[in-house]
Amino acid sequence: MREMMPFRGRMRPRREREGWLDFFDEMFAPDFWNKGMRTDIQETEDAYWMEIELPGYKKEDLDLELKNNMLKITGQKDEEEEEKKQNYIHRERRRGTIQRCFTIDENVDQDQVEAQFENGILKLKLPKKQKGAGEGRTIDID
């Protein structure tokens, strides 16, 4: 009787679970659905470099905010598609927001951060500073 209780499998450690039902458990994990901002971060001697994949987005859809050592990237998409053929009309609307935050190292010069967006890739250069902490600001995308 106990084995027939719903959701019981999620209570057991992962190594004890088997089979295709694991997929459904993983669907509810926090990072399963947030795969829209694949990010590469590289550190060099004078800066941090970020490349973030945002396929299907345009520069106008994105908002970048850097404040209190927190970089927030937000993408807002509103699409409407209408197709008319003979005796019917087909309309679809899609709306979505994607957001991701990164904690930025205190030695980043927030006044010198640069951003470029091309072919669905957002590139950020976060130069390192020598002293002090800067104030937050909004970042323009080239």
C-alpha atoms as a PDB file:
ATOM      1  CA  MET A   1       0.000   0.000   0.000  1.00  0.00           C
ATOM      2  CA  ARG A   2       2.767   2.474   0.818  1.00  0.00           C
ATOM      3  CA  GLU A   3       4.388   2.175  -2.619  1.00  0.00           C
ATOM      4  CA  MET A   4       1.183   3.361  -4.285  1.00  0.00           C
ATOM      5  CA  MET A   5       1.188   6.728  -2.501  1.00  0.00           C
ATOM      6  CA  PRO A   6       1.568   9.594  -5.014  1.00  0.00           C
ATOM      7  CA  PHE A   7       4.875  11.504  -5.109  1.00  0.00           C
ATOM      8  CA  ARG A   8       6.519   9.064  -2.749  1.00  0.00           C
ATOM      9  CA  GLY A   9       9.447   8.594  -5.142  1.00  0.00           C
ATOM     10  CA  ARG A  10      10.568  12.182  -4.738  1.00  0.00           C
ATOM     11  CA  MET A  11      11.124  11.641  -1.037  1.00  0.00           C
ATOM     12  CA  ARG A  12      13.762   8.977  -1.625  1.00  0.00           C
ATOM     13  CA  PRO A  13      17.371   9.911  -2.389  1.00  0.00           C
ATOM     14  CA  ARG A  14      18.159  10.167  -6.114  1.00  0.00           C
ATOM     15  CA  ARG A  15      20.397   7.110  -6.140  1.00  0.00           C
ATOM     16  CA  GLU A  16      17.470   4.942  -4.997  1.00  0.00           C
ATOM     17  CA  ARG A  17      15.121   6.126  -7.769  1.00  0.00           C
ATOM     18  CA  GLU A  18      15.109   4.408 -11.124  1.00  0.00           C
ATOM     19  CA  GLY A  19      13.339   4.507 -14.435  1.00  0.00           C
ATOM     20  CA  TRP A  20      11.588   7.044 -16.595  1.00  0.00           C
ATOM     21  CA  LEU A  21       9.736   8.634 -13.679  1.00  0.00           C
ATOM     22  CA  ASP A  22      12.989  10.343 -12.655  1.00  0.00           C
ATOM     23  CA  PHE A  23      12.499  12.651 -15.634  1.00  0.00           C
ATOM     24  CA  PHE A  24       9.294  14.024 -14.124  1.00  0.00           C
ATOM     25  CA  ASP A  25      10.982  14.586 -10.772  1.00  0.00           C
ATOM     26  CA  GLU A  26      13.775  16.502 -12.484  1.00  0.00           C
ATOM     27  CA  MET A  27      11.258  18.669 -14.360  1.00  0.00           C
ATOM     28  CA  PHE A  28      10.379  20.328 -11.083  1.00  0.00           C
ATOM     29  CA  ALA A  29      13.990  21.051 -10.143  1.00  0.00           C
ATOM     30  CA  PRO A  30      14.668  24.833 -10.022  1.00  0.00           C
ATOM     31  CA  ASP A  31      17.102  24.948 -12.946  1.00  0.00           C
ATOM     32  CA  PHE A  32      15.342  22.530 -15.334  1.00  0.00           C
ATOM     33  CA  TRP A  33      13.355  25.216 -17.183  1.00  0.00           C
ATOM     34  CA  ASN A  34      15.889  28.066 -16.930  1.00  0.00           C
ATOM     35  CA  LYS A  35      18.150  26.945 -19.741  1.00  0.00           C
ATOM     36  CA  GLY A  36      17.542  30.034 -21.861  1.00  0.00           C
ATOM     37  CA  MET A  37      20.615  31.962 -20.688  1.00  0.00           C
ATOM     38  CA  ARG A  38      23.576  29.722 -21.188  1.00  0.00           C
ATOM     39  CA  THR A  39      26.541  31.682 -19.902  1.00  0.00           C
ATOM     40  CA  ASP A  40      30.307  31.506 -20.245  1.00  0.00           C
ATOM     41  CA  ILE A  41      32.433  33.558 -17.834  1.00  0.00           C
ATOM     42  CA  GLN A  42      36.156  34.040 -18.291  1.00  0.00           C
ATOM     43  CA  GLU A  43      38.625  35.882 -16.068  1.00  0.00           C
ATOM     44  CA  THR A  44      41.687  37.617 -17.462  1.00  0.00           C
ATOM     45  CA  GLU A  45      44.274  39.717 -15.689  1.00  0.00           C
ATOM     46  CA  ASP A  46      42.385  42.985 -16.253  1.00  0.00           C
ATOM     47  CA  ALA A  47      38.691  41.989 -16.695  1.00  0.00           C
ATOM     48  CA  TYR A  48      35.921  39.426 -16.520  1.00  0.00           C
ATOM     49  CA  TRP A  49      34.276  38.501 -19.830  1.00  0.00           C
ATOM     50  CA  MET A  50      30.760  37.107 -20.106  1.00  0.00           C
ATOM     51  CA  GLU A  51      29.030  35.603 -23.138  1.00  0.00           C
ATOM     52  CA  ILE A  52      25.338  34.906 -22.712  1.00  0.00           C
ATOM     53  CA  GLU A  53      23.240  33.095 -25.311  1.00  0.00           C
ATOM     54  CA  LEU A  54      19.840  34.715 -25.904  1.00  0.00           C
ATOM     55  CA  PRO A  55      18.528  33.196 -29.140  1.00  0.00           C
ATOM     56  CA  GLY A  56      15.450  34.849 -30.611  1.00  0.00           C
ATOM     57  CA  TYR A  57      15.897  38.061 -28.628  1.00  0.00           C
ATOM     58  CA  LYS A  58      16.682  41.502 -30.024  1.00  0.00           C
ATOM     59  CA  LYS A  59      18.706  44.247 -28.377  1.00  0.00           C
ATOM     60  CA  GLU A  60      15.480  46.149 -27.659  1.00  0.00           C
ATOM     61  CA  ASP A  61      14.115  43.141 -25.706  1.00  0.00           C
ATOM     62  CA  LEU A  62      16.953  43.233 -23.156  1.00  0.00           C
ATOM     63  CA  ASP A  63      17.534  45.240 -19.998  1.00  0.00           C
ATOM     64  CA  LEU A  64      20.768  45.175 -18.016  1.00  0.00           C
ATOM     65  CA  GLU A  65      21.114  46.623 -14.542  1.00  0.00           C
ATOM     66  CA  LEU A  66      24.215  46.685 -12.375  1.00  0.00           C
ATOM     67  CA  LYS A  67      23.672  47.780  -8.793  1.00  0.00           C
ATOM     68  CA  ASN A  68      25.283  46.875  -5.458  1.00  0.00           C
ATOM     69  CA  ASN A  69      27.514  44.228  -7.063  1.00  0.00           C
ATOM     70  CA  MET A  70      24.499  42.489  -8.638  1.00  0.00           C
ATOM     71  CA  LEU A  71      24.125  42.205 -12.420  1.00  0.00           C
ATOM     72  CA  LYS A  72      20.518  41.603 -13.471  1.00  0.00           C
ATOM     73  CA  ILE A  73      19.772  40.601 -17.065  1.00  0.00           C
ATOM     74  CA  THR A  74      16.121  40.654 -18.146  1.00  0.00           C
ATOM     75  CA  GLY A  75      14.645  39.740 -21.511  1.00  0.00           C
ATOM     76  CA  GLN A  76      11.026  40.562 -22.359  1.00  0.00           C
ATOM     77  CA  LYS A  77       9.432  39.090 -25.477  1.00  0.00           C
ATOM     78  CA  ASP A  78       6.009  39.864 -26.925  1.00  0.00           C
ATOM     79  CA  GLU A  79       5.199  38.204 -30.259  1.00  0.00           C
ATOM     80  CA  GLU A  80       1.998  38.164 -32.234  1.00  0.00           C
ATOM     81  CA  GLU A  81       1.594  36.132 -35.371  1.00  0.00           C
ATOM     82  CA  GLU A  82      -1.389  36.267 -37.722  1.00  0.00           C
ATOM     83  CA  GLU A  83      -1.874  34.127 -40.801  1.00  0.00           C
ATOM     84  CA  LYS A  84      -4.891  34.546 -43.103  1.00  0.00           C
ATOM     85  CA  LYS A  85      -5.817  31.884 -45.637  1.00  0.00           C
ATOM     86  CA  GLN A  86      -9.073  31.358 -47.548  1.00  0.00           C
ATOM     87  CA  ASN A  87     -11.785  30.896 -44.893  1.00  0.00           C
ATOM     88  CA  TYR A  88      -9.900  30.949 -41.624  1.00  0.00           C
ATOM     89  CA  ILE A  89      -7.640  33.146 -39.525  1.00  0.00           C
ATOM     90  CA  HIS A  90      -4.819  31.771 -37.425  1.00  0.00           C
ATOM     91  CA  ARG A  91      -3.483  33.961 -34.599  1.00  0.00           C
ATOM     92  CA  GLU A  92      -0.957  33.160 -31.915  1.00  0.00           C
ATOM     93  CA  ARG A  93       0.472  35.298 -29.150  1.00  0.00           C
ATOM     94  CA  ARG A  94       3.485  34.550 -27.048  1.00  0.00           C
ATOM     95  CA  ARG A  95       4.782  36.493 -24.091  1.00  0.00           C
ATOM     96  CA  GLY A  96       7.651  35.683 -21.908  1.00  0.00           C
ATOM     97  CA  THR A  97      10.206  37.077 -19.552  1.00  0.00           C
ATOM     98  CA  ILE A  98      13.562  35.596 -18.792  1.00  0.00           C
ATOM     99  CA  GLN A  99      15.780  36.866 -16.001  1.00  0.00           C
ATOM    100  CA  ARG A 100      19.064  35.948 -14.442  1.00  0.00           C
ATOM    101  CA  CYS A 101      21.179  37.608 -11.749  1.00  0.00           C
ATOM    102  CA  PHE A 102      24.906  37.370 -11.160  1.00  0.00           C
ATOM    103  CA  THR A 103      26.843  38.477  -8.120  1.00  0.00           C
ATOM    104  CA  ILE A 104      29.711  40.601  -9.398  1.00  0.00           C
ATOM    105  CA  ASP A 105      33.092  40.675  -7.722  1.00  0.00           C
ATOM    106  CA  GLU A 106      33.758  43.816  -5.668  1.00  0.00           C
ATOM    107  CA  ASN A 107      36.851  44.632  -7.698  1.00  0.00           C
ATOM    108  CA  VAL A 108      34.817  45.283 -10.895  1.00  0.00           C
ATOM    109  CA  ASP A 109      34.826  48.911 -12.060  1.00  0.00           C
ATOM    110  CA  GLN A 110      31.050  49.292 -12.487  1.00  0.00           C
ATOM    111  CA  ASP A 111      31.399  52.610 -14.380  1.00  0.00           C
ATOM    112  CA  GLN A 112      33.448  50.950 -17.139  1.00  0.00           C
ATOM    113  CA  VAL A 113      31.274  47.888 -17.883  1.00  0.00           C
ATOM    114  CA  GLU A 114      30.596  47.457 -21.610  1.00  0.00           C
ATOM    115  CA  ALA A 115      27.930  45.396 -23.386  1.00  0.00           C
ATOM    116  CA  GLN A 116      27.420  44.332 -26.998  1.00  0.00           C
ATOM    117  CA  PHE A 117      24.645  42.252 -28.523  1.00  0.00           C
ATOM    118  CA  GLU A 118      25.047  40.522 -31.874  1.00  0.00           C
ATOM    119  CA  ASN A 119      23.503  37.391 -33.415  1.00  0.00           C
ATOM    120  CA  GLY A 120      21.763  36.355 -30.184  1.00  0.00           C
ATOM    121  CA  ILE A 121      24.933  36.640 -28.061  1.00  0.00           C
ATOM    122  CA  LEU A 122      25.246  39.224 -25.301  1.00  0.00           C
ATOM    123  CA  LYS A 123      28.901  40.006 -24.578  1.00  0.00           C
ATOM    124  CA  LEU A 124      29.912  41.846 -21.434  1.00  0.00           C
ATOM    125  CA  LYS A 125      33.293  43.185 -20.414  1.00  0.00           C
ATOM    126  CA  LEU A 126      33.600  43.845 -16.685  1.00  0.00           C
ATOM    127  CA  PRO A 127      36.961  45.583 -16.132  1.00  0.00           C
ATOM    128  CA  LYS A 128      38.681  45.176 -12.789  1.00  0.00           C
ATOM    129  CA  LYS A 129      39.404  48.249 -10.694  1.00  0.00           C
ATOM    130  CA  GLN A 130      42.278  49.112  -8.416  1.00  0.00           C
ATOM    131  CA  LYS A 131      40.472  50.649  -5.399  1.00  0.00           C
ATOM    132  CA  GLY A 132      37.043  51.480  -3.934  1.00  0.00           C
ATOM    133  CA  ALA A 133      33.499  50.457  -4.804  1.00  0.00           C
ATOM    134  CA  GLY A 134      31.393  52.206  -7.471  1.00  0.00           C
ATOM    135  CA  GLU A 135      27.729  53.152  -7.507  1.00  0.00           C
ATOM    136  CA  GLY A 136      25.139  51.143  -9.449  1.00  0.00           C
ATOM    137  CA  ARG A 137      24.055  52.103 -12.979  1.00  0.00           C
ATOM    138  CA  THR A 138      22.103  50.921 -16.023  1.00  0.00           C
ATOM    139  CA  ILE A 139      24.221  49.490 -18.860  1.00  0.00           C
ATOM    140  CA  ASP A 140      23.571  50.461 -22.500  1.00  0.00           C
ATOM    141  CA  ILE A 141      23.889  47.749 -25.143  1.00  0.00           C
ATOM    142  CA  ASP A 142      25.855  48.560 -28.336  1.00  0.00           C
END
